[in-house]
C-alpha atoms as a PDB file:
ATOM      1  CA  MET A   1     133.111 106.092 173.074  1.00  0.00           C
ATOM      2  CA  THR A   2     131.343 108.761 171.185  1.00  0.00           C
ATOM      3  CA  TYR A   3     128.078 107.987 169.457  1.00  0.00           C
ATOM      4  CA  GLY A   4     126.982 111.393 168.420  1.00  0.00           C
ATOM      5  CA  VAL A   5     125.715 114.496 170.105  1.00  0.00           C
ATOM      6  CA  GLY A   6     124.377 113.725 173.574  1.00  0.00           C
ATOM      7  CA  MET A   7     124.628 109.890 173.236  1.00  0.00           C
ATOM      8  CA  THR A   8     126.273 107.808 175.947  1.00  0.00           C
ATOM      9  CA  ASP A   9     126.842 104.100 176.485  1.00  0.00           C
ATOM     10  CA  ALA A  10     123.701 103.884 178.617  1.00  0.00           C
ATOM     11  CA  GLY A  11     121.599 105.579 175.937  1.00  0.00           C
ATOM     12  CA  VAL A  12     122.788 103.174 173.231  1.00  0.00           C
ATOM     13  CA  GLN A  13     122.175 100.155 175.429  1.00  0.00           C
ATOM     14  CA  GLY A  14     118.678 101.389 176.296  1.00  0.00           C
ATOM     15  CA  ARG A  15     117.857 101.900 172.638  1.00  0.00           C
ATOM     16  CA  ASN A  16     119.105  98.397 171.773  1.00  0.00           C
ATOM     17  CA  TYR A  17     116.932  96.924 174.545  1.00  0.00           C
ATOM     18  CA  ILE A  18     113.852  98.707 173.186  1.00  0.00           C
ATOM     19  CA  ASN A  19     114.600  97.400 169.671  1.00  0.00           C
ATOM     20  CA  MET A  20     115.018  93.854 171.014  1.00  0.00           C
ATOM     21  CA  VAL A  21     111.667  94.004 172.830  1.00  0.00           C
ATOM     22  CA  TYR A  22     109.957  95.454 169.744  1.00  0.00           C
ATOM     23  CA  TYR A  23     111.295  92.773 167.379  1.00  0.00           C
ATOM     24  CA  LYS A  24     110.703  89.973 169.865  1.00  0.00           C
ATOM     25  CA  ASN A  25     106.955  90.723 170.069  1.00  0.00           C
ATOM     26  CA  LYS A  26     106.563  91.182 166.322  1.00  0.00           C
ATOM     27  CA  GLY A  27     105.407  87.550 165.563  1.00  0.00           C
ATOM     28  CA  PHE A  28     102.146  85.737 166.351  1.00  0.00           C
ATOM     29  CA  THR A  29     101.635  83.503 169.348  1.00  0.00           C
ATOM     30  CA  LEU A  30     100.595  79.873 169.021  1.00  0.00           C
ATOM     31  CA  ILE A  31      97.107  80.601 170.368  1.00  0.00           C
ATOM     32  CA  GLU A  32      96.541  83.367 167.830  1.00  0.00           C
ATOM     33  CA  LEU A  33      97.555  81.043 165.002  1.00  0.00           C
ATOM     34  CA  LEU A  34      95.291  78.241 166.286  1.00  0.00           C
ATOM     35  CA  VAL A  35      92.323  80.631 166.532  1.00  0.00           C
ATOM     36  CA  VAL A  36      92.851  81.792 162.941  1.00  0.00           C
ATOM     37  CA  ILE A  37      93.148  78.191 161.695  1.00  0.00           C
ATOM     38  CA  ALA A  38      89.947  77.251 163.559  1.00  0.00           C
ATOM     39  CA  ILE A  39      88.057  80.174 162.007  1.00  0.00           C
ATOM     40  CA  ILE A  40      89.287  79.251 158.521  1.00  0.00           C
ATOM     41  CA  GLY A  41      88.223  75.638 159.093  1.00  0.00           C
ATOM     42  CA  LEU A  42      84.765  76.738 160.236  1.00  0.00           C
ATOM     43  CA  LEU A  43      84.305  78.960 157.186  1.00  0.00           C
ATOM     44  CA  ALA A  44      85.488  76.166 154.869  1.00  0.00           C
ATOM     45  CA  SER A  45      82.963  73.729 156.343  1.00  0.00           C
ATOM     46  CA  ILE A  46      80.144  76.253 155.852  1.00  0.00           C
ATOM     47  CA  VAL A  47      81.149  76.718 152.207  1.00  0.00           C
ATOM     48  CA  LEU A  48      81.250  72.951 151.611  1.00  0.00           C
ATOM     49  CA  VAL A  49      77.755  72.505 153.058  1.00  0.00           C
ATOM     50  CA  SER A  50      76.485  75.276 150.788  1.00  0.00           C
ATOM     51  CA  LEU A  51      78.066  73.607 147.761  1.00  0.00           C
ATOM     52  CA  ASN A  52      76.380  70.286 148.548  1.00  0.00           C
ATOM     53  CA  SER A  53      72.954  71.902 148.689  1.00  0.00           C
ATOM     54  CA  ALA A  54      73.686  73.714 145.418  1.00  0.00           C
ATOM     55  CA  ARG A  55      74.625  70.392 143.801  1.00  0.00           C
ATOM     56  CA  ALA A  56      71.370  68.838 144.987  1.00  0.00           C
ATOM     57  CA  LYS A  57      69.386  71.741 143.554  1.00  0.00           C
ATOM     58  CA  ALA A  58      71.228  71.448 140.235  1.00  0.00           C
ATOM     59  CA  ARG A  59      70.485  67.710 140.129  1.00  0.00           C
ATOM     60  CA  ASP A  60      66.793  68.429 140.771  1.00  0.00           C
ATOM     61  CA  VAL A  61      66.733  70.966 137.935  1.00  0.00           C
ATOM     62  CA  LYS A  62      68.287  68.375 135.584  1.00  0.00           C
ATOM     63  CA  ARG A  63      65.591  65.877 136.582  1.00  0.00           C
ATOM     64  CA  LYS A  64      62.838  68.407 135.893  1.00  0.00           C
ATOM     65  CA  VAL A  65      64.300  69.327 132.499  1.00  0.00           C
ATOM     66  CA  ALA A  66      64.562  65.623 131.562  1.00  0.00           C
ATOM     67  CA  ILE A  67      60.939  64.950 132.510  1.00  0.00           C
ATOM     68  CA  ASP A  68      59.763  68.117 130.741  1.00  0.00           C
ATOM     69  CA  SER A  69      61.515  67.046 127.531  1.00  0.00           C
ATOM     70  CA  VAL A  70      59.759  63.659 127.633  1.00  0.00           C
ATOM     71  CA  ILE A  71      56.412  65.372 128.311  1.00  0.00           C
ATOM     72  CA  LEU A  72      56.960  67.711 125.352  1.00  0.00           C
ATOM     73  CA  ALA A  73      57.901  64.816 123.049  1.00  0.00           C
ATOM     74  CA  LEU A  74      54.789  62.884 124.107  1.00  0.00           C
ATOM     75  CA  ALA A  75      52.614  65.957 123.499  1.00  0.00           C
ATOM     76  CA  MET A  76      54.080  66.377 120.006  1.00  0.00           C
ATOM     77  CA  TYR A  77      53.496  62.659 119.315  1.00  0.00           C
ATOM     78  CA  TYR A  78      49.874  63.117 120.379  1.00  0.00           C
ATOM     79  CA  ASP A  79      49.524  66.137 118.069  1.00  0.00           C
ATOM     80  CA  ASN A  80      50.804  64.072 115.134  1.00  0.00           C
ATOM     81  CA  HIS A  81      48.783  60.856 115.777  1.00  0.00           C
ATOM     82  CA  ASN A  82      45.865  61.909 118.042  1.00  0.00           C
ATOM     83  CA  VAL A  83      46.879  59.145 120.439  1.00  0.00           C
ATOM     84  CA  PHE A  84      49.718  58.640 122.898  1.00  0.00           C
ATOM     85  CA  PRO A  85      52.203  55.844 122.183  1.00  0.00           C
ATOM     86  CA  ALA A  86      51.119  52.467 123.518  1.00  0.00           C
ATOM     87  CA  ASN A  87      52.982  50.558 126.178  1.00  0.00           C
ATOM     88  CA  SER A  88      55.368  47.823 125.146  1.00  0.00           C
ATOM     89  CA  TYR A  89      53.452  45.160 127.023  1.00  0.00           C
ATOM     90  CA  ALA A  90      49.745  44.436 126.579  1.00  0.00           C
ATOM     91  CA  GLY A  91      47.859  45.023 129.800  1.00  0.00           C
ATOM     92  CA  SER A  92      50.856  46.619 131.469  1.00  0.00           C
ATOM     93  CA  ARG A  93      50.170  49.816 133.387  1.00  0.00           C
ATOM     94  CA  GLY A  94      53.591  51.296 132.783  1.00  0.00           C
ATOM     95  CA  THR A  95      57.030  50.895 131.300  1.00  0.00           C
ATOM     96  CA  ALA A  96      60.403  52.424 131.922  1.00  0.00           C
ATOM     97  CA  LEU A  97      61.666  54.591 129.101  1.00  0.00           C
ATOM     98  CA  SER A  98      65.114  53.164 128.559  1.00  0.00           C
ATOM     99  CA  GLY A  99      65.752  54.251 124.989  1.00  0.00           C
ATOM    100  CA  SER A 100      65.243  50.784 123.537  1.00  0.00           C
ATOM    101  CA  ASP A 101      61.554  50.253 124.387  1.00  0.00           C
ATOM    102  CA  LEU A 102      58.740  50.842 121.867  1.00  0.00           C
ATOM    103  CA  ILE A 103      57.755  54.247 123.220  1.00  0.00           C
ATOM    104  CA  SER A 104      61.312  55.558 123.173  1.00  0.00           C
ATOM    105  CA  THR A 105      61.976  54.258 119.669  1.00  0.00           C
ATOM    106  CA  ALA A 106      58.701  55.818 118.443  1.00  0.00           C
ATOM    107  CA  LEU A 107      59.671  59.216 119.872  1.00  0.00           C
ATOM    108  CA  ILE A 108      63.249  58.988 118.614  1.00  0.00           C
ATOM    109  CA  SER A 109      62.332  57.704 115.127  1.00  0.00           C
ATOM    110  CA  GLU A 110      59.965  60.625 114.585  1.00  0.00           C
ATOM    111  CA  LYS A 111      62.738  62.972 115.755  1.00  0.00           C
ATOM    112  CA  LEU A 112      60.567  64.316 118.566  1.00  0.00           C
ATOM    113  CA  ILE A 113      63.439  63.749 120.958  1.00  0.00           C
ATOM    114  CA  SER A 114      67.072  63.068 120.109  1.00  0.00           C
ATOM    115  CA  ARG A 115      67.599  60.494 122.866  1.00  0.00           C
ATOM    116  CA  MET A 116      65.903  59.511 126.078  1.00  0.00           C
ATOM    117  CA  PRO A 117      67.266  61.605 128.919  1.00  0.00           C
ATOM    118  CA  VAL A 118      69.167  60.002 131.741  1.00  0.00           C
ATOM    119  CA  VAL A 119      67.846  61.303 135.014  1.00  0.00           C
ATOM    120  CA  PRO A 120      70.688  62.070 137.410  1.00  0.00           C
ATOM    121  CA  SER A 121      70.615  60.314 140.749  1.00  0.00           C
ATOM    122  CA  ASN A 122      72.822  59.618 143.711  1.00  0.00           C
ATOM    123  CA  SER A 123      73.196  55.935 142.898  1.00  0.00           C
ATOM    124  CA  GLY A 124      73.224  56.195 139.102  1.00  0.00           C
ATOM    125  CA  THR A 125      70.206  53.874 138.712  1.00  0.00           C
ATOM    126  CA  CYS A 126      67.229  56.042 137.933  1.00  0.00           C
ATOM    127  CA  GLY A 127      65.106  56.487 134.855  1.00  0.00           C
ATOM    128  CA  VAL A 128      61.888  57.895 133.487  1.00  0.00           C
ATOM    129  CA  ALA A 129      58.709  55.813 133.646  1.00  0.00           C
ATOM    130  CA  TYR A 130      55.706  56.253 131.348  1.00  0.00           C
ATOM    131  CA  TYR A 131      52.258  55.139 132.466  1.00  0.00           C
ATOM    132  CA  SER A 132      49.180  54.945 130.299  1.00  0.00           C
ATOM    133  CA  GLY A 133      45.616  54.333 131.278  1.00  0.00           C
ATOM    134  CA  THR A 134      44.120  55.157 134.639  1.00  0.00           C
ATOM    135  CA  TRP A 135      45.745  55.421 138.035  1.00  0.00           C
ATOM    136  CA  ASP A 136      43.207  53.250 139.880  1.00  0.00           C
ATOM    137  CA  SER A 137      44.500  50.321 141.889  1.00  0.00           C
ATOM    138  CA  ALA A 138      42.446  47.675 140.033  1.00  0.00           C
END
């Protein structure tokens, strides 16, 4: 058989063998694939941990903004009346601002705050408390 200038049967067979070896080693081994999957899994877990801490920081910022808005509304109420709103219960040292208590309705009715903020929490049961008077343990 003639294959071209200077080509013999042995030369063609040798070239085919080299091509077979080259194409056979072209893919990835199982260990290489497992190492890449492990690295991707490690990076994904690091990203998820970072996202959880970012969510916690965002929740803390929302809490601070909610408390600051109540503080600002109480300061504006004081500017208008020269006294802070009284607690709902006589002799009580504090009350939770739920939106339906006397303090909340006073702030909302004077349009000092549009609604009482809901403080974000992990369990969904958290609010803002307002205390008047002194902090002594009497």
